[in-house]
Amino acid sequence: MLAVVLSLLSLVAAAAGSGCCTPTQWEGDMGLILGSVANGNTSFIEGTMRIHYDAQQKMIVTVQNINYNGLPIRQTIIEDFNKRVQYTVMGDGCSSKPLGAWLPNCIPDNATSAEVVYGLGSNSVQARAFEVNYGEFTVYFVVTADTCVPLAEDVNGKFDGADIMEVITFANIKAGISNTSVFNIPTNCPTVQFPVPGVPRARRASPFHGYL
């Protein structure tokens, strides 16, 4: 239903207006559904993620509890953009790979936008919906009108050769980082010498750091 509502926003007369950036430090819960088709092979991912976002320290942590084609996966992704390294922690293991440059959680100024309301009467939130066309895929965002706190994100189109549709909802968003130790790199993670020359800027289909 959410994907349908967000997609319909593109049919509503809307104006191009200035975008916005999420708060510099925040954390909260994300609900995720992602379907993709590549070379005739389909995949389906669903689950929840806990995100810790710190633009000051340029670090992002997502604790993922997901099902990939029915297989349960629990892992923690630590993105350290100072060292340009992404760590994947699963059980007692840890792996790493290079990251591109830091990209803030910002909606571009050329996004098409419209005003929307979540809720009823006094129990409602003023929000803004945005549509951004990135060429092969389109992203729809909904954020609070006053503080740009994410409420929902919908990604659909083609990404890295696959046809995708990803729907994310956000809940329990709080400003700041309640426990900075969440950014600590486990001692068993490999020591690496990144950034590797030639690694491009990070490319994401989900600017608000969903699974893609």
N, C-alpha and C. Protein backbone atom coordinates (compact mmCIF):
# COMPACT_ATOMS: atom_id res chain seq x y z
N MET A 1 0.82 -1.20 0.00
CA MET A 1 0.00 0.00 0.00
C MET A 1 0.86 1.25 0.00
N LEU A 2 1.91 1.27 0.83
CA LEU A 2 2.77 2.43 0.90
C LEU A 2 3.39 2.73 -0.44
N ALA A 3 3.87 1.67 -1.14
CA ALA A 3 4.49 1.89 -2.44
C ALA A 3 3.51 2.51 -3.40
N VAL A 4 2.26 2.08 -3.35
CA VAL A 4 1.25 2.63 -4.24
C VAL A 4 1.01 4.10 -3.93
N VAL A 5 0.89 4.43 -2.64
CA VAL A 5 0.65 5.81 -2.25
C VAL A 5 1.80 6.70 -2.69
N LEU A 6 3.03 6.25 -2.45
CA LEU A 6 4.17 7.06 -2.83
C LEU A 6 4.26 7.23 -4.33
N SER A 7 3.98 6.18 -5.08
CA SER A 7 4.05 6.27 -6.52
C SER A 7 3.00 7.22 -7.06
N LEU A 8 1.84 7.27 -6.43
CA LEU A 8 0.79 8.17 -6.88
C LEU A 8 1.17 9.63 -6.69
N LEU A 9 2.10 9.88 -5.79
CA LEU A 9 2.53 11.25 -5.58
C LEU A 9 3.12 11.84 -6.85
N SER A 10 3.70 11.00 -7.69
CA SER A 10 4.29 11.50 -8.92
C SER A 10 3.23 11.98 -9.89
N LEU A 11 1.95 11.61 -9.67
CA LEU A 11 0.87 12.03 -10.54
C LEU A 11 0.22 13.32 -10.07
N VAL A 12 0.55 13.75 -8.86
CA VAL A 12 -0.04 14.95 -8.30
C VAL A 12 0.75 16.16 -8.75
N ALA A 13 0.05 17.22 -9.09
CA ALA A 13 0.73 18.44 -9.48
C ALA A 13 1.60 18.90 -8.33
N ALA A 14 2.89 18.99 -8.57
CA ALA A 14 3.82 19.36 -7.51
C ALA A 14 4.86 20.29 -8.09
N ALA A 15 5.53 20.99 -7.21
CA ALA A 15 6.51 21.98 -7.64
C ALA A 15 7.90 21.55 -7.25
N ALA A 16 8.86 21.99 -8.05
CA ALA A 16 10.25 21.74 -7.70
C ALA A 16 10.63 22.72 -6.60
N GLY A 17 11.21 22.23 -5.54
CA GLY A 17 11.59 23.10 -4.44
C GLY A 17 12.87 22.63 -3.81
N SER A 18 13.36 23.40 -2.84
CA SER A 18 14.62 23.04 -2.21
C SER A 18 14.46 21.75 -1.44
N GLY A 19 15.49 20.92 -1.49
CA GLY A 19 15.50 19.67 -0.75
C GLY A 19 15.87 19.92 0.69
N CYS A 20 16.33 18.89 1.37
CA CYS A 20 16.72 19.04 2.77
C CYS A 20 17.65 17.90 3.14
N CYS A 21 18.29 18.04 4.28
CA CYS A 21 19.19 17.01 4.80
C CYS A 21 18.66 16.54 6.15
N THR A 22 18.81 15.26 6.42
CA THR A 22 18.38 14.73 7.71
C THR A 22 19.25 15.32 8.82
N PRO A 23 18.83 15.23 10.07
CA PRO A 23 19.67 15.70 11.17
C PRO A 23 21.07 15.07 11.12
N THR A 24 22.04 15.75 11.69
CA THR A 24 23.42 15.27 11.61
C THR A 24 23.66 14.01 12.43
N GLN A 25 22.89 13.82 13.49
CA GLN A 25 22.99 12.61 14.31
C GLN A 25 21.58 12.11 14.64
N TRP A 26 21.30 10.87 14.31
CA TRP A 26 20.01 10.30 14.65
C TRP A 26 20.10 8.78 14.60
N GLU A 27 19.11 8.14 15.20
CA GLU A 27 19.02 6.68 15.19
C GLU A 27 17.56 6.28 15.26
N GLY A 28 17.27 5.09 14.75
CA GLY A 28 15.89 4.64 14.75
C GLY A 28 15.76 3.29 14.07
N ASP A 29 14.51 2.88 13.89
CA ASP A 29 14.20 1.57 13.31
C ASP A 29 13.71 1.71 11.88
N MET A 30 14.01 0.71 11.07
CA MET A 30 13.60 0.69 9.68
C MET A 30 12.95 -0.65 9.36
N GLY A 31 11.79 -0.62 8.72
CA GLY A 31 11.17 -1.82 8.19
C GLY A 31 11.43 -1.89 6.70
N LEU A 32 11.77 -3.07 6.19
CA LEU A 32 12.28 -3.19 4.82
C LEU A 32 11.59 -4.32 4.07
N ILE A 33 11.24 -4.04 2.81
CA ILE A 33 10.84 -5.06 1.85
C ILE A 33 11.55 -4.74 0.55
N LEU A 34 12.24 -5.71 -0.02
CA LEU A 34 12.99 -5.51 -1.26
C LEU A 34 12.83 -6.71 -2.17
N GLY A 35 12.38 -6.45 -3.38
CA GLY A 35 12.30 -7.49 -4.39
C GLY A 35 13.15 -7.11 -5.58
N SER A 36 13.81 -8.08 -6.20
CA SER A 36 14.65 -7.80 -7.36
C SER A 36 14.63 -8.98 -8.33
N VAL A 37 14.86 -8.65 -9.60
CA VAL A 37 14.96 -9.65 -10.66
C VAL A 37 16.19 -9.33 -11.48
N ALA A 38 17.09 -10.31 -11.62
CA ALA A 38 18.30 -10.14 -12.40
C ALA A 38 18.56 -11.41 -13.20
N ASN A 39 18.65 -11.27 -14.50
CA ASN A 39 18.91 -12.42 -15.39
C ASN A 39 17.91 -13.56 -15.16
N GLY A 40 16.67 -13.19 -14.91
CA GLY A 40 15.63 -14.20 -14.69
C GLY A 40 15.57 -14.76 -13.29
N ASN A 41 16.50 -14.37 -12.43
CA ASN A 41 16.52 -14.86 -11.05
C ASN A 41 15.90 -13.82 -10.12
N THR A 42 14.98 -14.27 -9.29
CA THR A 42 14.31 -13.36 -8.37
C THR A 42 14.86 -13.53 -6.96
N SER A 43 14.82 -12.45 -6.20
CA SER A 43 15.20 -12.51 -4.79
C SER A 43 14.26 -11.62 -4.00
N PHE A 44 14.08 -11.97 -2.73
CA PHE A 44 13.17 -11.23 -1.87
C PHE A 44 13.80 -11.09 -0.50
N ILE A 45 13.84 -9.87 -0.01
CA ILE A 45 14.41 -9.57 1.30
C ILE A 45 13.38 -8.82 2.11
N GLU A 46 13.21 -9.23 3.35
CA GLU A 46 12.33 -8.50 4.26
C GLU A 46 12.92 -8.57 5.66
N GLY A 47 12.58 -7.57 6.47
CA GLY A 47 13.08 -7.58 7.83
C GLY A 47 13.14 -6.20 8.43
N THR A 48 13.94 -6.07 9.47
CA THR A 48 14.09 -4.80 10.17
C THR A 48 15.57 -4.46 10.31
N MET A 49 15.83 -3.18 10.47
CA MET A 49 17.19 -2.72 10.69
C MET A 49 17.15 -1.59 11.72
N ARG A 50 18.17 -1.55 12.54
CA ARG A 50 18.36 -0.45 13.48
C ARG A 50 19.52 0.38 12.94
N ILE A 51 19.27 1.67 12.68
CA ILE A 51 20.30 2.50 12.08
C ILE A 51 20.79 3.55 13.07
N HIS A 52 22.10 3.78 13.05
CA HIS A 52 22.75 4.83 13.83
C HIS A 52 23.54 5.68 12.84
N TYR A 53 23.14 6.92 12.68
CA TYR A 53 23.70 7.80 11.64
C TYR A 53 24.38 8.99 12.29
N ASP A 54 25.67 9.17 11.98
CA ASP A 54 26.45 10.27 12.56
C ASP A 54 27.22 10.97 11.46
N ALA A 55 26.68 12.10 10.99
CA ALA A 55 27.34 12.86 9.93
C ALA A 55 28.56 13.61 10.46
N GLN A 56 28.60 13.89 11.76
CA GLN A 56 29.75 14.57 12.33
C GLN A 56 30.98 13.67 12.30
N GLN A 57 30.80 12.41 12.70
CA GLN A 57 31.90 11.46 12.70
C GLN A 57 32.03 10.71 11.36
N LYS A 58 31.06 10.93 10.48
CA LYS A 58 31.02 10.26 9.18
C LYS A 58 31.06 8.74 9.34
N MET A 59 30.15 8.25 10.18
CA MET A 59 30.01 6.82 10.40
C MET A 59 28.53 6.45 10.43
N ILE A 60 28.21 5.27 9.90
CA ILE A 60 26.84 4.76 9.90
C ILE A 60 26.89 3.29 10.29
N VAL A 61 26.02 2.90 11.20
CA VAL A 61 25.91 1.50 11.61
C VAL A 61 24.47 1.05 11.40
N THR A 62 24.29 -0.10 10.76
CA THR A 62 22.97 -0.71 10.65
C THR A 62 23.03 -2.13 11.18
N VAL A 63 22.17 -2.41 12.16
CA VAL A 63 22.04 -3.76 12.71
C VAL A 63 20.87 -4.41 11.99
N GLN A 64 21.14 -5.43 11.20
CA GLN A 64 20.15 -6.00 10.30
C GLN A 64 19.64 -7.34 10.81
N ASN A 65 18.32 -7.46 10.86
CA ASN A 65 17.66 -8.74 11.11
C ASN A 65 16.73 -8.98 9.93
N ILE A 66 17.19 -9.73 8.96
CA ILE A 66 16.47 -9.85 7.70
C ILE A 66 16.34 -11.31 7.28
N ASN A 67 15.45 -11.53 6.33
CA ASN A 67 15.31 -12.83 5.68
C ASN A 67 15.60 -12.65 4.20
N TYR A 68 16.56 -13.41 3.70
CA TYR A 68 16.92 -13.36 2.29
C TYR A 68 16.46 -14.65 1.63
N ASN A 69 15.40 -14.55 0.82
CA ASN A 69 14.81 -15.75 0.20
C ASN A 69 14.52 -16.83 1.24
N GLY A 70 14.02 -16.39 2.40
CA GLY A 70 13.66 -17.33 3.46
C GLY A 70 14.78 -17.68 4.42
N LEU A 71 16.02 -17.25 4.12
CA LEU A 71 17.16 -17.55 4.99
C LEU A 71 17.35 -16.41 5.99
N PRO A 72 17.26 -16.69 7.30
CA PRO A 72 17.43 -15.62 8.29
C PRO A 72 18.89 -15.18 8.38
N ILE A 73 19.09 -13.89 8.41
CA ILE A 73 20.43 -13.31 8.49
C ILE A 73 20.43 -12.22 9.56
N ARG A 74 21.38 -12.31 10.46
CA ARG A 74 21.60 -11.24 11.44
C ARG A 74 23.04 -10.78 11.28
N GLN A 75 23.20 -9.53 10.94
CA GLN A 75 24.54 -8.99 10.74
C GLN A 75 24.54 -7.49 11.05
N THR A 76 25.73 -6.99 11.33
CA THR A 76 25.91 -5.56 11.60
C THR A 76 26.86 -4.99 10.56
N ILE A 77 26.43 -3.90 9.92
CA ILE A 77 27.24 -3.22 8.93
C ILE A 77 27.76 -1.93 9.54
N ILE A 78 29.08 -1.78 9.59
CA ILE A 78 29.71 -0.57 10.11
C ILE A 78 30.41 0.12 8.95
N GLU A 79 29.95 1.33 8.63
CA GLU A 79 30.56 2.09 7.55
C GLU A 79 31.37 3.23 8.14
N ASP A 80 32.68 3.15 8.00
CA ASP A 80 33.60 4.16 8.50
C ASP A 80 34.13 4.95 7.30
N PHE A 81 33.55 6.12 7.06
CA PHE A 81 33.93 6.90 5.89
C PHE A 81 35.20 7.70 6.12
N ASN A 82 35.70 7.74 7.35
CA ASN A 82 37.00 8.37 7.60
C ASN A 82 38.11 7.48 7.05
N LYS A 83 38.01 6.18 7.33
CA LYS A 83 38.99 5.22 6.81
C LYS A 83 38.58 4.67 5.45
N ARG A 84 37.34 4.99 5.03
CA ARG A 84 36.79 4.48 3.77
C ARG A 84 36.73 2.96 3.78
N VAL A 85 36.21 2.40 4.88
CA VAL A 85 36.11 0.95 5.04
C VAL A 85 34.70 0.59 5.52
N GLN A 86 34.14 -0.47 4.95
CA GLN A 86 32.89 -1.04 5.45
C GLN A 86 33.19 -2.40 6.07
N TYR A 87 32.76 -2.58 7.32
CA TYR A 87 32.92 -3.85 8.02
C TYR A 87 31.57 -4.56 8.09
N THR A 88 31.58 -5.85 7.86
CA THR A 88 30.40 -6.68 8.01
C THR A 88 30.66 -7.68 9.12
N VAL A 89 29.91 -7.57 10.21
CA VAL A 89 30.09 -8.43 11.37
C VAL A 89 28.92 -9.41 11.43
N MET A 90 29.25 -10.70 11.39
CA MET A 90 28.23 -11.74 11.46
C MET A 90 28.74 -12.84 12.38
N GLY A 91 28.05 -13.05 13.51
CA GLY A 91 28.52 -14.03 14.46
C GLY A 91 29.89 -13.66 14.99
N ASP A 92 30.83 -14.59 14.93
CA ASP A 92 32.20 -14.33 15.37
C ASP A 92 33.09 -13.86 14.24
N GLY A 93 32.55 -13.71 13.05
CA GLY A 93 33.35 -13.32 11.90
C GLY A 93 33.20 -11.85 11.55
N CYS A 94 34.19 -11.34 10.84
CA CYS A 94 34.17 -9.96 10.39
C CYS A 94 34.94 -9.85 9.08
N SER A 95 34.35 -9.19 8.11
CA SER A 95 35.02 -8.96 6.83
C SER A 95 34.99 -7.47 6.53
N SER A 96 35.77 -7.05 5.54
CA SER A 96 35.83 -5.63 5.22
C SER A 96 35.96 -5.44 3.71
N LYS A 97 35.55 -4.27 3.27
CA LYS A 97 35.72 -3.90 1.87
C LYS A 97 35.80 -2.38 1.78
N PRO A 98 36.36 -1.84 0.69
CA PRO A 98 36.52 -0.39 0.59
C PRO A 98 35.19 0.33 0.37
N LEU A 99 35.14 1.56 0.86
CA LEU A 99 33.99 2.43 0.67
C LEU A 99 34.37 3.59 -0.24
N GLY A 100 33.37 4.19 -0.87
CA GLY A 100 33.58 5.44 -1.57
C GLY A 100 33.57 6.61 -0.59
N ALA A 101 33.53 7.81 -1.13
CA ALA A 101 33.55 9.00 -0.28
C ALA A 101 32.21 9.18 0.42
N TRP A 102 32.23 9.96 1.49
CA TRP A 102 31.02 10.22 2.27
C TRP A 102 29.97 10.95 1.43
N LEU A 103 28.73 10.49 1.53
CA LEU A 103 27.60 11.15 0.90
C LEU A 103 26.56 11.41 1.98
N PRO A 104 26.24 12.66 2.28
CA PRO A 104 25.27 12.94 3.34
C PRO A 104 23.86 12.52 2.95
N ASN A 105 23.01 12.31 3.94
CA ASN A 105 21.60 11.97 3.71
C ASN A 105 20.84 13.23 3.32
N CYS A 106 20.92 13.60 2.06
CA CYS A 106 20.29 14.82 1.60
C CYS A 106 19.43 14.56 0.37
N ILE A 107 18.30 15.25 0.32
CA ILE A 107 17.45 15.25 -0.86
C ILE A 107 17.86 16.44 -1.70
N PRO A 108 18.16 16.25 -2.99
CA PRO A 108 18.67 17.35 -3.81
C PRO A 108 17.64 18.46 -4.02
N ASP A 109 18.14 19.66 -4.30
CA ASP A 109 17.28 20.82 -4.46
C ASP A 109 16.37 20.72 -5.68
N ASN A 110 16.75 19.91 -6.66
CA ASN A 110 15.93 19.81 -7.87
C ASN A 110 14.84 18.76 -7.76
N ALA A 111 14.63 18.21 -6.58
CA ALA A 111 13.59 17.20 -6.39
C ALA A 111 12.20 17.83 -6.54
N THR A 112 11.28 17.06 -7.10
CA THR A 112 9.89 17.48 -7.16
C THR A 112 9.23 17.17 -5.82
N SER A 113 8.47 18.13 -5.28
CA SER A 113 7.95 17.94 -3.93
C SER A 113 6.48 18.28 -3.83
N ALA A 114 5.84 17.78 -2.80
CA ALA A 114 4.45 18.07 -2.49
C ALA A 114 4.25 17.97 -0.99
N GLU A 115 3.31 18.73 -0.46
CA GLU A 115 3.00 18.68 0.97
C GLU A 115 2.00 17.56 1.24
N VAL A 116 2.25 16.79 2.29
CA VAL A 116 1.34 15.72 2.68
C VAL A 116 1.15 15.76 4.19
N VAL A 117 0.14 15.06 4.67
CA VAL A 117 -0.15 14.99 6.10
C VAL A 117 -0.27 13.53 6.51
N TYR A 118 0.40 13.16 7.60
CA TYR A 118 0.28 11.83 8.19
C TYR A 118 -0.62 11.94 9.41
N GLY A 119 -1.64 11.10 9.50
CA GLY A 119 -2.50 11.09 10.67
C GLY A 119 -3.78 11.88 10.47
N LEU A 120 -4.50 12.13 11.59
CA LEU A 120 -5.79 12.81 11.56
C LEU A 120 -5.84 13.91 12.60
N GLY A 121 -6.41 15.04 12.23
CA GLY A 121 -6.66 16.13 13.17
C GLY A 121 -5.44 16.55 13.95
N SER A 122 -5.62 16.64 15.28
CA SER A 122 -4.51 17.07 16.14
C SER A 122 -3.41 16.01 16.24
N ASN A 123 -3.75 14.78 15.90
CA ASN A 123 -2.78 13.69 15.94
C ASN A 123 -2.21 13.47 14.54
N SER A 124 -1.59 14.51 14.01
CA SER A 124 -1.07 14.43 12.64
C SER A 124 0.30 15.09 12.55
N VAL A 125 1.01 14.78 11.48
CA VAL A 125 2.34 15.31 11.24
C VAL A 125 2.38 15.92 9.84
N GLN A 126 2.85 17.15 9.76
CA GLN A 126 3.05 17.78 8.46
C GLN A 126 4.31 17.20 7.83
N ALA A 127 4.20 16.78 6.60
CA ALA A 127 5.33 16.13 5.94
C ALA A 127 5.49 16.66 4.52
N ARG A 128 6.62 16.33 3.93
CA ARG A 128 6.88 16.67 2.53
C ARG A 128 7.28 15.40 1.80
N ALA A 129 6.70 15.22 0.64
CA ALA A 129 7.04 14.08 -0.21
C ALA A 129 7.88 14.59 -1.37
N PHE A 130 8.90 13.83 -1.72
CA PHE A 130 9.80 14.21 -2.80
C PHE A 130 9.91 13.07 -3.81
N GLU A 131 10.11 13.43 -5.05
CA GLU A 131 10.40 12.47 -6.11
C GLU A 131 11.70 12.89 -6.78
N VAL A 132 12.65 11.95 -6.86
CA VAL A 132 13.94 12.23 -7.49
C VAL A 132 14.21 11.16 -8.53
N ASN A 133 14.46 11.59 -9.75
CA ASN A 133 14.77 10.66 -10.84
C ASN A 133 16.29 10.60 -11.00
N TYR A 134 16.86 9.42 -10.76
CA TYR A 134 18.30 9.24 -10.88
C TYR A 134 18.69 8.57 -12.20
N GLY A 135 17.79 8.60 -13.16
CA GLY A 135 18.09 7.99 -14.45
C GLY A 135 17.43 6.63 -14.58
N GLU A 136 18.15 5.58 -14.18
CA GLU A 136 17.61 4.23 -14.30
C GLU A 136 16.64 3.89 -13.18
N PHE A 137 16.67 4.63 -12.10
CA PHE A 137 15.74 4.36 -11.00
C PHE A 137 15.23 5.67 -10.42
N THR A 138 14.08 5.58 -9.76
CA THR A 138 13.43 6.74 -9.14
C THR A 138 13.26 6.47 -7.66
N VAL A 139 13.46 7.51 -6.85
CA VAL A 139 13.30 7.39 -5.41
C VAL A 139 12.23 8.37 -4.94
N TYR A 140 11.31 7.87 -4.12
CA TYR A 140 10.29 8.70 -3.49
C TYR A 140 10.60 8.75 -2.00
N PHE A 141 10.62 9.96 -1.45
CA PHE A 141 10.89 10.15 -0.02
C PHE A 141 9.69 10.80 0.64
N VAL A 142 9.49 10.51 1.92
CA VAL A 142 8.60 11.30 2.76
C VAL A 142 9.37 11.63 4.03
N VAL A 143 9.43 12.93 4.36
CA VAL A 143 10.14 13.39 5.56
C VAL A 143 9.25 14.39 6.30
N THR A 144 9.55 14.60 7.57
CA THR A 144 8.81 15.64 8.30
C THR A 144 9.12 16.99 7.69
N ALA A 145 8.11 17.85 7.64
CA ALA A 145 8.25 19.13 6.94
C ALA A 145 9.22 20.07 7.63
N ASP A 146 9.30 20.01 8.96
CA ASP A 146 10.10 21.00 9.68
C ASP A 146 11.54 20.57 9.93
N THR A 147 11.79 19.26 10.10
CA THR A 147 13.13 18.82 10.49
C THR A 147 13.76 17.80 9.54
N CYS A 148 13.05 17.41 8.48
CA CYS A 148 13.59 16.47 7.48
C CYS A 148 13.92 15.11 8.09
N VAL A 149 13.15 14.71 9.09
CA VAL A 149 13.31 13.37 9.66
C VAL A 149 12.63 12.36 8.72
N PRO A 150 13.32 11.29 8.33
CA PRO A 150 12.74 10.35 7.37
C PRO A 150 11.54 9.60 7.93
N LEU A 151 10.52 9.47 7.09
CA LEU A 151 9.33 8.69 7.42
C LEU A 151 9.18 7.48 6.52
N ALA A 152 9.52 7.64 5.25
CA ALA A 152 9.38 6.53 4.31
C ALA A 152 10.25 6.78 3.09
N GLU A 153 10.58 5.69 2.40
CA GLU A 153 11.36 5.76 1.16
C GLU A 153 10.94 4.61 0.26
N ASP A 154 10.82 4.90 -1.03
CA ASP A 154 10.44 3.90 -2.02
C ASP A 154 11.39 4.03 -3.19
N VAL A 155 12.07 2.94 -3.54
CA VAL A 155 13.01 2.93 -4.67
C VAL A 155 12.52 1.94 -5.70
N ASN A 156 12.41 2.36 -6.95
CA ASN A 156 12.06 1.39 -7.99
C ASN A 156 12.70 1.76 -9.31
N GLY A 157 13.04 0.73 -10.08
CA GLY A 157 13.71 0.92 -11.36
C GLY A 157 14.78 -0.14 -11.55
N LYS A 158 15.86 0.24 -12.17
CA LYS A 158 16.97 -0.68 -12.43
C LYS A 158 18.21 -0.19 -11.72
N PHE A 159 18.89 -1.11 -11.01
CA PHE A 159 20.09 -0.76 -10.26
C PHE A 159 21.08 -1.91 -10.37
N ASP A 160 22.30 -1.61 -10.84
CA ASP A 160 23.34 -2.62 -11.01
C ASP A 160 22.84 -3.83 -11.80
N GLY A 161 22.07 -3.55 -12.85
CA GLY A 161 21.63 -4.60 -13.75
C GLY A 161 20.39 -5.36 -13.32
N ALA A 162 19.82 -5.02 -12.17
CA ALA A 162 18.63 -5.72 -11.67
C ALA A 162 17.44 -4.77 -11.63
N ASP A 163 16.25 -5.32 -11.88
CA ASP A 163 15.01 -4.58 -11.67
C ASP A 163 14.66 -4.68 -10.19
N ILE A 164 14.48 -3.54 -9.55
CA ILE A 164 14.31 -3.54 -8.10
C ILE A 164 13.07 -2.76 -7.67
N MET A 165 12.57 -3.11 -6.51
CA MET A 165 11.59 -2.29 -5.80
C MET A 165 11.84 -2.47 -4.31
N GLU A 166 12.14 -1.37 -3.65
CA GLU A 166 12.44 -1.39 -2.23
C GLU A 166 11.53 -0.41 -1.51
N VAL A 167 10.90 -0.84 -0.44
CA VAL A 167 10.04 0.01 0.37
C VAL A 167 10.57 0.00 1.80
N ILE A 168 10.77 1.19 2.36
CA ILE A 168 11.30 1.33 3.71
C ILE A 168 10.39 2.25 4.51
N THR A 169 10.08 1.88 5.73
CA THR A 169 9.38 2.76 6.66
C THR A 169 10.27 2.97 7.88
N PHE A 170 10.18 4.16 8.46
CA PHE A 170 11.01 4.52 9.60
C PHE A 170 10.13 4.72 10.83
N ALA A 171 10.66 4.37 12.00
CA ALA A 171 9.92 4.53 13.25
C ALA A 171 10.89 4.75 14.40
N ASN A 172 10.39 5.31 15.49
CA ASN A 172 11.17 5.50 16.72
C ASN A 172 12.45 6.29 16.47
N ILE A 173 12.37 7.30 15.60
CA ILE A 173 13.55 8.12 15.30
C ILE A 173 13.82 9.07 16.46
N LYS A 174 15.07 9.10 16.91
CA LYS A 174 15.49 10.00 17.97
C LYS A 174 16.75 10.74 17.55
N ALA A 175 16.85 12.00 17.97
CA ALA A 175 18.03 12.79 17.66
C ALA A 175 19.19 12.35 18.54
N GLY A 176 20.41 12.47 18.00
CA GLY A 176 21.60 12.12 18.75
C GLY A 176 21.91 10.63 18.71
N ILE A 177 23.01 10.26 19.36
CA ILE A 177 23.45 8.86 19.46
C ILE A 177 23.44 8.48 20.93
N SER A 178 22.61 7.52 21.30
CA SER A 178 22.44 7.17 22.71
C SER A 178 23.67 6.48 23.29
N ASN A 179 24.39 5.72 22.47
CA ASN A 179 25.57 5.00 22.94
C ASN A 179 26.61 4.97 21.82
N THR A 180 27.63 5.80 21.93
CA THR A 180 28.61 5.92 20.86
C THR A 180 29.45 4.66 20.66
N SER A 181 29.41 3.73 21.62
CA SER A 181 30.19 2.50 21.46
C SER A 181 29.68 1.66 20.30
N VAL A 182 28.50 1.98 19.80
CA VAL A 182 27.97 1.23 18.66
C VAL A 182 28.88 1.37 17.44
N PHE A 183 29.71 2.43 17.43
CA PHE A 183 30.61 2.66 16.31
C PHE A 183 31.97 1.99 16.49
N ASN A 184 32.20 1.34 17.62
CA ASN A 184 33.48 0.68 17.85
C ASN A 184 33.67 -0.49 16.89
N ILE A 185 34.85 -0.57 16.30
CA ILE A 185 35.17 -1.67 15.38
C ILE A 185 35.62 -2.87 16.20
N PRO A 186 34.99 -4.04 16.03
CA PRO A 186 35.41 -5.23 16.78
C PRO A 186 36.89 -5.55 16.55
N THR A 187 37.54 -6.05 17.58
CA THR A 187 38.98 -6.31 17.49
C THR A 187 39.31 -7.42 16.50
N ASN A 188 38.34 -8.27 16.19
CA ASN A 188 38.63 -9.36 15.25
C ASN A 188 38.45 -8.95 13.79
N CYS A 189 38.08 -7.70 13.56
CA CYS A 189 37.95 -7.25 12.18
C CYS A 189 39.34 -7.07 11.57
N PRO A 190 39.49 -7.38 10.29
CA PRO A 190 40.81 -7.32 9.66
C PRO A 190 41.35 -5.90 9.57
N THR A 191 42.65 -5.79 9.75
CA THR A 191 43.33 -4.51 9.57
C THR A 191 43.53 -4.29 8.08
N VAL A 192 43.09 -3.15 7.60
CA VAL A 192 43.14 -2.88 6.17
C VAL A 192 43.79 -1.53 5.92
N GLN A 193 44.25 -1.35 4.70
CA GLN A 193 44.92 -0.12 4.30
C GLN A 193 44.11 0.58 3.22
N PHE A 194 42.86 0.88 3.52
CA PHE A 194 42.04 1.63 2.59
C PHE A 194 42.20 3.12 2.91
N PRO A 195 41.83 4.04 2.02
CA PRO A 195 41.11 3.78 0.78
C PRO A 195 42.00 3.26 -0.33
N VAL A 196 41.43 2.41 -1.14
CA VAL A 196 42.13 1.88 -2.30
C VAL A 196 42.04 2.91 -3.42
N PRO A 197 43.15 3.25 -4.08
CA PRO A 197 43.09 4.21 -5.18
C PRO A 197 42.11 3.77 -6.25
N GLY A 198 41.31 4.72 -6.72
CA GLY A 198 40.39 4.42 -7.81
C GLY A 198 39.00 4.03 -7.36
N VAL A 199 38.78 3.85 -6.04
CA VAL A 199 37.43 3.54 -5.57
C VAL A 199 36.57 4.79 -5.72
N PRO A 200 35.46 4.71 -6.45
CA PRO A 200 34.65 5.90 -6.72
C PRO A 200 33.82 6.31 -5.52
N ARG A 201 33.12 7.43 -5.68
CA ARG A 201 32.16 7.84 -4.66
C ARG A 201 31.12 6.74 -4.47
N ALA A 202 30.64 6.63 -3.25
CA ALA A 202 29.65 5.59 -2.94
C ALA A 202 28.42 5.76 -3.83
N ARG A 203 27.95 4.67 -4.40
CA ARG A 203 26.74 4.70 -5.22
C ARG A 203 25.68 3.89 -4.51
N ARG A 204 24.58 4.54 -4.21
CA ARG A 204 23.51 3.88 -3.49
C ARG A 204 22.21 4.12 -4.22
N ALA A 205 21.35 3.11 -4.24
CA ALA A 205 20.00 3.32 -4.73
C ALA A 205 19.15 3.93 -3.63
N SER A 206 19.49 3.66 -2.38
CA SER A 206 18.73 4.16 -1.23
C SER A 206 19.52 5.25 -0.52
N PRO A 207 19.26 6.52 -0.81
CA PRO A 207 20.02 7.59 -0.16
C PRO A 207 19.88 7.60 1.36
N PHE A 208 18.76 7.08 1.88
CA PHE A 208 18.58 7.02 3.33
C PHE A 208 19.12 5.72 3.93
N HIS A 209 19.98 5.05 3.18
CA HIS A 209 20.73 3.89 3.66
C HIS A 209 19.84 2.72 4.03
N GLY A 210 19.02 2.32 3.07
CA GLY A 210 18.32 1.06 3.18
C GLY A 210 19.26 -0.07 2.83
N TYR A 211 18.74 -1.19 2.39
CA TYR A 211 19.60 -2.34 2.11
C TYR A 211 20.46 -2.11 0.88
N LEU A 212 19.95 -1.35 -0.11
CA LEU A 212 20.70 -1.13 -1.35
C LEU A 212 21.72 -0.02 -1.18
